[in-house]
Structure formats: C-alpha cells, structure tokens
C-alpha cells in the first residue's frame, strides 16, 4: 500500500438517492416514508425559473416540519453560474439544522467547491450550526470530468461524487436515446466468420467516464454514486444500468421515481450468498494466520490478503444494512 493514507468520508448508507422536486410539496410526505437511503430536494433542474423562490420556501418548510426519520437529507442547489445559488445556500443552511448534505451541480473546477465551502463555513460559524454539512458533487460536464481527480480533493466536506449522464451527454455532444441509457449505434462489429457473417455488439458509452469517477472517489475516500436513468417505466433497463454501475464499484444510484428505489436497494446490497462467502473468507484467513500462512485455498480458489479486504467491505455493508433494518 502507498504510504499516503486514504481518509474515508463520513460513512452513510447510500444505495438509493431519491430526487424530489422542490416545487412539488405534495411529494414530500411520500418521499419521507420511502425506503430511500438518501433523499435530495431539488432546487435546480426540476424547478422552473419562475418557481425557484417558492421551491426554496417549500424545501425549508419541509426540512423543518416533516419527520424524515434517519434518512440522509440533501438539497441540490442551483448552479454557480446562476443568481439563485447564493440565496439557496444562505436560506437553506441558515434555517435547516436537520440538513445533512448540499448537492452541488455541474462542478467544473475545484474553485467551484471552494466558493460554496467558504460561504457554508461562514454561515455555520455565524449561526453556531451544530451539524457540519457535507457536500456531494455532480460530475456532469466535460470540464468536470477533465478535472475530477482535483475536484475529489477540493474540500474536507466532500462525501460523494455523482455521475450525471444527461448533462454530461449534452456537454460532450453525445447522441443518446435516454438519460443514462444506451445508444443503439454505439457498439462494435465483429470480423466476418467462416460464412461471412458479422455480429454487432452494443457498447456502454458511459463506461470510461464512470470508471474515472469511481477511481477518483476510491482514491480519496469518497462514495461514488451513479446518476439517473431517465425512463422510469423501463425497470429492466434501470436494473441493468444499476448492475453495471455496481460492478464498477459504485455504491448506489439515483432514483427519479419511487419505483426505482427498491431495485437500487436490492442491486447495491450484497446478496446472502455473497455475505456468507465473505464470512468464510474471513474465517479461512484467520485460520491461515494462526497456521503461519499468508494465503489459503477455499472452494478451489486462492484466498489472500486482497481477498480479505474485499470480504471485509462486503461484511461492513451488510452490517450497515442490517442496522438500518433494525431501526
């Protein structure tokens, strides 16, 4: 391992993050009763310009008046290139002690985070705010992805980076069919076989960007979270996208509709068989240590120190999930 330690951000269960428009207070109570691990009340893309101020008032009232239980609460502020952002930060942070996170959209450079951090820090000091706010950031532009490693180190408040496929596609001028979905033209054509036939295999246009976001997070102790899948009626497509993200190391995924929450929670939870195997790996390595061995075979496969790290990750997440279920 490197001599440089990787300090981990505040640990939170973050399998599903439900987006709720700030201009739709009728949705707030239902969101508070949902199974989402994290809920963000949106002041940005889901709110029309004429509704921004009322949405801000709605969100402040909801954060103070509704019982959100133990869920992590976040608010997505408007972008730094708008005149709504400063008032979002001031009004929400000054008046909402229950708030856990601020979600900053379209982060392009570390200075974007520095600017919000400075404002939040001054508010916390002036108002003697007891709970220190964390940040989650949206990487959803070409500029943001170009600077993602530096952004991941931009503030001690950082907890998570979210990959936003929709705005990223627009920034990159990609051709897409659905937010977070695939493009039927993006793929590879095989060489001809003996009969001259060729097969087309669809590819994943988000893969390269997602890998960079995950690596930046894991290299700096943050949670990587995959963003929305636009067609909420396509449950198979959402599950497939979530499984690809989980396979890459993402810790959770956004839900833009309540129907997506259960799928995200399921995909990003270790299966019972996975948890049992992790326990057996830990036990096998403990026995190997007692016998003076650094590796051991289990079910015909080599198990070593790297295996135990992976197993411990699985067990830690299973324990957190079990703790939430018991609340």
Protein backbone atom coordinates (compact mmCIF):
# COMPACT_ATOMS: atom_id res chain seq x y z
CA UNK A 1 0.00 0.00 0.00
CA UNK A 2 1.06 3.58 -0.53
CA UNK A 3 2.45 5.49 2.42
CA UNK A 4 -0.26 8.09 1.69
CA UNK A 5 -3.36 7.21 3.74
CA UNK A 6 -6.82 7.38 2.18
CA UNK A 7 -9.09 9.01 4.76
CA UNK A 8 -12.70 7.91 4.40
CA UNK A 9 -15.59 10.39 4.28
CA UNK A 10 -18.44 10.25 6.76
CA UNK A 11 -19.91 6.75 6.34
CA UNK A 12 -23.53 6.65 5.16
CA UNK A 13 -25.70 4.00 3.57
CA UNK A 14 -26.13 5.35 0.05
CA UNK A 15 -27.66 2.61 -2.14
CA UNK A 16 -30.52 4.78 -3.40
CA UNK A 17 -30.85 8.55 -3.68
CA UNK A 18 -34.36 9.76 -4.40
CA UNK A 19 -34.79 13.00 -6.32
CA UNK A 20 -37.78 15.12 -5.24
CA UNK A 21 -38.64 18.43 -6.95
CA UNK A 22 -38.75 21.37 -4.56
CA UNK A 23 -41.72 22.75 -6.46
CA UNK A 24 -43.77 19.63 -5.66
CA UNK A 25 -44.54 19.65 -1.92
CA UNK A 26 -47.22 17.02 -2.49
CA UNK A 27 -44.38 14.52 -3.00
CA UNK A 28 -42.54 15.31 0.24
CA UNK A 29 -44.50 13.14 2.67
CA UNK A 30 -44.37 10.15 0.34
CA UNK A 31 -40.62 10.58 -0.03
CA UNK A 32 -40.21 10.72 3.76
CA UNK A 33 -41.98 7.36 4.04
CA UNK A 34 -39.99 5.74 1.23
CA UNK A 35 -37.17 3.21 1.57
CA UNK A 36 -34.60 5.55 0.02
CA UNK A 37 -31.31 5.81 1.89
CA UNK A 38 -30.77 9.41 0.76
CA UNK A 39 -33.32 11.99 -0.37
CA UNK A 40 -32.43 15.18 -2.16
CA UNK A 41 -34.90 18.02 -2.51
CA UNK A 42 -34.19 19.70 -5.82
CA UNK A 43 -33.97 23.43 -6.41
CA UNK A 44 -32.20 23.12 -9.76
CA UNK A 45 -33.23 21.25 -12.92
CA UNK A 46 -36.62 20.03 -11.67
CA UNK A 47 -37.79 23.59 -10.88
CA UNK A 48 -38.85 26.16 -13.49
CA UNK A 49 -37.24 29.63 -13.20
CA UNK A 50 -40.48 31.29 -12.12
CA UNK A 51 -40.87 28.76 -9.29
CA UNK A 52 -37.36 28.95 -7.82
CA UNK A 53 -38.15 31.18 -4.83
CA UNK A 54 -41.31 29.31 -3.87
CA UNK A 55 -39.50 25.99 -4.21
CA UNK A 56 -36.83 27.24 -1.82
CA UNK A 57 -39.51 28.16 0.73
CA UNK A 58 -41.14 24.74 0.23
CA UNK A 59 -37.87 22.94 0.89
CA UNK A 60 -37.07 24.92 4.02
CA UNK A 61 -40.52 24.23 5.45
CA UNK A 62 -40.31 20.54 4.60
CA UNK A 63 -36.89 20.10 6.18
CA UNK A 64 -38.18 21.62 9.40
CA UNK A 65 -41.74 20.28 9.56
CA UNK A 66 -41.63 16.72 8.19
CA UNK A 67 -40.35 13.70 10.12
CA UNK A 68 -37.67 12.26 7.82
CA UNK A 69 -36.60 9.57 10.24
CA UNK A 70 -32.98 8.51 9.92
CA UNK A 71 -32.69 9.19 6.20
CA UNK A 72 -29.84 11.31 4.92
CA UNK A 73 -31.22 14.61 3.60
CA UNK A 74 -29.65 16.67 0.85
CA UNK A 75 -30.63 19.75 -1.14
CA UNK A 76 -29.49 20.32 -4.70
CA UNK A 77 -28.76 24.00 -5.05
CA UNK A 78 -28.72 25.89 -8.32
CA UNK A 79 -25.52 26.18 -10.30
CA UNK A 80 -22.78 28.66 -9.55
CA UNK A 81 -23.46 30.34 -12.90
CA UNK A 82 -26.96 31.41 -11.75
CA UNK A 83 -28.14 34.18 -9.46
CA UNK A 84 -30.19 31.69 -7.45
CA UNK A 85 -27.26 29.83 -5.91
CA UNK A 86 -26.15 32.24 -3.19
CA UNK A 87 -29.67 32.62 -1.80
CA UNK A 88 -30.19 28.84 -1.94
CA UNK A 89 -27.13 28.31 0.24
CA UNK A 90 -27.80 31.14 2.68
CA UNK A 91 -31.51 30.50 3.25
CA UNK A 92 -31.29 26.71 3.42
CA UNK A 93 -28.15 26.41 5.54
CA UNK A 94 -29.19 29.17 7.94
CA UNK A 95 -32.66 27.75 8.53
CA UNK A 96 -32.38 23.95 8.24
CA UNK A 97 -30.46 22.29 11.09
CA UNK A 98 -31.73 18.86 10.00
CA UNK A 99 -29.91 19.06 6.65
CA UNK A 100 -27.01 16.64 6.13
CA UNK A 101 -25.66 17.44 2.66
CA UNK A 102 -25.59 20.03 -0.08
CA UNK A 103 -25.61 18.67 -3.64
CA UNK A 104 -23.62 21.00 -5.91
CA UNK A 105 -24.43 20.60 -9.62
CA UNK A 106 -22.17 20.89 -12.66
CA UNK A 107 -18.93 21.21 -10.73
CA UNK A 108 -16.21 22.03 -13.25
CA UNK A 109 -13.14 23.04 -11.25
CA UNK A 110 -12.03 22.77 -7.60
CA UNK A 111 -12.64 26.50 -7.13
CA UNK A 112 -16.38 25.90 -7.58
CA UNK A 113 -16.36 23.78 -4.43
CA UNK A 114 -14.09 26.24 -2.61
CA UNK A 115 -16.59 29.04 -3.22
CA UNK A 116 -19.52 27.12 -1.71
CA UNK A 117 -17.35 25.81 1.14
CA UNK A 118 -16.34 29.35 2.11
CA UNK A 119 -19.96 30.52 2.20
CA UNK A 120 -21.16 27.47 4.17
CA UNK A 121 -18.31 27.77 6.66
CA UNK A 122 -19.15 31.41 7.38
CA UNK A 123 -22.83 30.56 7.87
CA UNK A 124 -22.00 27.71 10.23
CA UNK A 125 -19.77 29.96 12.30
CA UNK A 126 -22.20 32.87 12.36
CA UNK A 127 -25.23 30.72 13.22
CA UNK A 128 -23.30 28.32 15.51
CA UNK A 129 -24.65 25.43 13.46
CA UNK A 130 -24.05 22.20 15.36
CA UNK A 131 -24.15 19.75 12.45
CA UNK A 132 -21.31 20.20 9.96
CA UNK A 133 -22.62 19.99 6.41
CA UNK A 134 -21.16 17.55 3.93
CA UNK A 135 -21.03 18.00 0.15
CA UNK A 136 -21.95 15.71 -2.69
CA UNK A 137 -20.92 16.92 -6.13
CA UNK A 138 -22.30 16.26 -9.58
CA UNK A 139 -19.74 15.43 -12.24
CA UNK A 140 -21.83 16.04 -15.33
CA UNK A 141 -19.78 18.12 -17.75
CA UNK A 142 -16.71 17.61 -19.90
CA UNK A 143 -14.91 20.20 -17.76
CA UNK A 144 -15.86 18.40 -14.56
CA UNK A 145 -14.67 15.03 -15.80
CA UNK A 146 -11.44 16.60 -17.05
CA UNK A 147 -10.77 17.85 -13.51
CA UNK A 148 -12.39 15.06 -11.50
CA UNK A 149 -9.24 13.99 -9.62
CA UNK A 150 -8.54 17.54 -8.45
CA UNK A 151 -12.23 18.09 -7.63
CA UNK A 152 -12.19 14.97 -5.43
CA UNK A 153 -9.56 16.69 -3.26
CA UNK A 154 -11.15 20.15 -3.21
CA UNK A 155 -12.74 20.21 0.27
CA UNK A 156 -12.81 18.35 3.54
CA UNK A 157 -16.61 18.47 3.33
CA UNK A 158 -16.73 16.13 0.36
CA UNK A 159 -18.54 12.83 0.84
CA UNK A 160 -19.67 11.71 -2.61
CA UNK A 161 -19.32 12.31 -6.33
CA UNK A 162 -22.37 11.61 -8.51
CA UNK A 163 -22.10 10.94 -12.23
CA UNK A 164 -24.83 12.73 -14.19
CA UNK A 165 -25.20 11.15 -17.61
CA UNK A 166 -27.80 13.57 -19.02
CA UNK A 167 -25.92 16.85 -18.75
CA UNK A 168 -22.66 15.03 -19.42
CA UNK A 169 -24.05 13.83 -22.75
CA UNK A 170 -25.14 17.36 -23.61
CA UNK A 171 -21.74 18.76 -22.67
CA UNK A 172 -19.95 16.12 -24.76
CA UNK A 173 -22.50 16.47 -27.60
CA UNK A 174 -23.13 12.75 -27.45
CA UNK A 175 -26.04 11.09 -29.22
CA UNK A 176 -28.26 9.35 -26.70
CA UNK A 177 -31.75 7.93 -26.64
CA UNK A 178 -32.49 8.20 -22.90
CA UNK A 179 -30.71 9.71 -19.89
CA UNK A 180 -28.39 7.00 -18.61
CA UNK A 181 -29.45 4.62 -21.37
CA UNK A 182 -27.52 3.24 -24.31
CA UNK A 183 -27.30 4.30 -27.94
CA UNK A 184 -28.22 1.61 -30.48
CA UNK A 185 -25.45 2.86 -32.80
CA UNK A 186 -22.70 2.64 -30.16
CA UNK A 187 -21.03 -0.74 -30.47
CA UNK A 188 -18.57 -2.88 -32.37
CA UNK A 189 -18.90 -5.05 -35.46
CA UNK A 190 -17.04 -8.34 -35.38
CA UNK A 191 -14.84 -9.62 -38.19
CA UNK A 192 -16.62 -11.93 -40.65
CA UNK A 193 -16.83 -15.56 -39.60
CA UNK A 194 -16.30 -18.53 -41.95
CA UNK A 195 -19.70 -17.88 -43.50
CA UNK A 196 -19.03 -14.18 -43.91
CA UNK A 197 -21.48 -13.26 -41.14
CA UNK A 198 -20.74 -10.40 -38.78
CA UNK A 199 -22.31 -9.68 -35.39
CA UNK A 200 -22.96 -6.29 -33.80
CA UNK A 201 -22.46 -5.90 -30.03
CA UNK A 202 -23.86 -2.83 -28.34
CA UNK A 203 -21.41 -0.97 -26.11
CA UNK A 204 -21.70 1.16 -22.96
CA UNK A 205 -20.96 4.82 -23.77
CA UNK A 206 -20.75 5.77 -20.07
CA UNK A 207 -18.10 3.25 -19.07
CA UNK A 208 -14.97 5.38 -19.43
CA UNK A 209 -16.44 8.36 -17.59
CA UNK A 210 -17.86 6.19 -14.82
CA UNK A 211 -14.53 4.47 -14.23
CA UNK A 212 -12.80 7.84 -13.79
CA UNK A 213 -15.42 8.97 -11.27
CA UNK A 214 -15.13 5.73 -9.27
CA UNK A 215 -11.32 5.86 -9.27
CA UNK A 216 -11.30 9.50 -8.11
CA UNK A 217 -13.70 8.62 -5.30
CA UNK A 218 -11.94 5.50 -4.12
CA UNK A 219 -8.58 7.22 -4.33
CA UNK A 220 -9.76 9.95 -1.96
CA UNK A 221 -12.20 8.18 0.37
CA UNK A 222 -15.46 9.34 -1.24
CA UNK A 223 -18.63 7.48 -2.21
CA UNK A 224 -19.18 7.08 -5.98
CA UNK A 225 -22.89 7.33 -6.84
CA UNK A 226 -24.35 6.71 -10.29
CA UNK A 227 -26.89 9.22 -11.55
CA UNK A 228 -30.37 8.93 -13.04
CA UNK A 229 -31.89 6.57 -15.56
CA UNK A 230 -34.47 8.63 -17.37
CA UNK A 231 -37.06 6.04 -18.46
CA UNK A 232 -38.53 5.09 -15.07
CA UNK A 233 -41.01 2.75 -16.78
CA UNK A 234 -38.12 0.62 -18.06
CA UNK A 235 -37.38 -1.34 -14.90
CA UNK A 236 -35.22 -3.89 -16.74
CA UNK A 237 -33.10 -1.10 -18.22
CA UNK A 238 -32.72 0.56 -14.83
CA UNK A 239 -31.72 -2.68 -13.15
CA UNK A 240 -29.18 -3.42 -15.87
CA UNK A 241 -27.69 0.07 -15.55
CA UNK A 242 -27.54 -0.29 -11.77
CA UNK A 243 -25.84 -3.68 -12.03
CA UNK A 244 -23.21 -2.30 -14.42
CA UNK A 245 -22.56 0.57 -12.02
CA UNK A 246 -22.32 -1.78 -9.03
CA UNK A 247 -19.88 -3.94 -10.96
CA UNK A 248 -17.64 -0.91 -11.49
CA UNK A 249 -17.62 -0.06 -7.78
CA UNK A 250 -20.41 2.49 -7.46
CA UNK A 251 -22.04 2.48 -4.05
CA UNK A 252 -25.53 3.49 -5.13
CA UNK A 253 -27.71 5.08 -7.80
CA UNK A 254 -30.22 7.88 -8.12
CA UNK A 255 -33.93 7.16 -8.29
CA UNK A 256 -36.05 9.69 -10.16
CA UNK A 257 -39.22 7.76 -9.35
CA UNK A 258 -40.19 5.80 -6.22
CA UNK A 259 -40.46 2.62 -8.33
CA UNK A 260 -36.68 2.66 -8.78
CA UNK A 261 -35.83 2.71 -5.05
CA UNK A 262 -36.39 -0.97 -4.32
CA UNK A 263 -34.35 -2.01 -7.35
CA UNK A 264 -31.42 0.21 -6.36
CA UNK A 265 -31.50 -1.00 -2.77
CA UNK A 266 -31.51 -4.60 -3.98
CA UNK A 267 -28.72 -4.23 -6.56
CA UNK A 268 -26.39 -2.34 -4.22
CA UNK A 269 -26.95 -4.70 -1.28
CA UNK A 270 -24.74 -7.78 -1.05
CA UNK A 271 -26.69 -10.99 -1.65
CA UNK A 272 -27.00 -13.56 1.15
CA UNK A 273 -24.62 -15.94 -0.64
CA UNK A 274 -22.08 -13.16 -1.10
CA UNK A 275 -22.22 -12.31 2.61
CA UNK A 276 -21.82 -15.97 3.60
CA UNK A 277 -18.80 -16.42 1.35
CA UNK A 278 -17.26 -13.23 2.77
CA UNK A 279 -17.65 -14.67 6.28
CA UNK A 280 -15.99 -17.90 5.21
CA UNK A 281 -13.11 -15.98 3.65
CA UNK A 282 -12.52 -14.05 6.86
CA UNK A 283 -12.65 -17.26 8.90
CA UNK A 284 -10.31 -19.06 6.49
CA UNK A 285 -7.77 -16.25 6.58
CA UNK A 286 -7.94 -16.11 10.36
CA UNK A 287 -7.11 -19.80 10.45
CA UNK A 288 -4.32 -19.30 7.92
CA UNK A 289 -2.83 -16.57 10.13
CA UNK A 290 -2.90 -18.92 13.11
CA UNK A 291 -1.11 -21.52 10.98
CA UNK A 292 1.51 -19.00 9.83
CA UNK A 293 0.30 -18.92 6.20
CA UNK A 294 -0.40 -15.80 4.11
CA UNK A 295 -2.83 -17.49 1.72
CA UNK A 296 -5.23 -20.43 1.68
CA UNK A 297 -7.45 -22.28 -0.76
CA UNK A 298 -11.21 -22.00 -0.37
CA UNK A 299 -13.59 -23.81 -2.73
CA UNK A 300 -10.71 -24.36 -5.12
CA UNK A 301 -9.70 -20.70 -5.27
CA UNK A 302 -6.75 -18.83 -3.81
CA UNK A 303 -7.65 -16.55 -0.90
CA UNK A 304 -5.09 -13.99 0.25
CA UNK A 305 -4.86 -10.58 1.91
CA UNK A 306 -6.58 -8.86 -1.03
CA UNK A 307 -9.46 -11.32 -0.68
CA UNK A 308 -9.95 -10.46 2.96
CA UNK A 309 -10.12 -6.74 2.17
CA UNK A 310 -12.90 -7.38 -0.33
CA UNK A 311 -14.68 -9.66 2.11
CA UNK A 312 -14.49 -7.10 4.88
CA UNK A 313 -16.06 -4.49 2.56
CA UNK A 314 -19.00 -6.85 1.94
CA UNK A 315 -19.47 -7.61 5.62
CA UNK A 316 -19.29 -3.97 6.62
CA UNK A 317 -22.02 -3.02 4.15
CA UNK A 318 -24.19 -5.95 5.21
CA UNK A 319 -23.84 -4.88 8.83
CA UNK A 320 -24.85 -1.30 8.00
CA UNK A 321 -27.92 -2.50 6.10
CA UNK A 322 -28.90 -4.79 8.94
CA UNK A 323 -28.58 -1.90 11.36
CA UNK A 324 -30.91 0.25 9.26
CA UNK A 325 -33.46 -2.55 9.02
CA UNK A 326 -33.46 -2.86 12.81
CA UNK A 327 -34.29 0.83 13.35
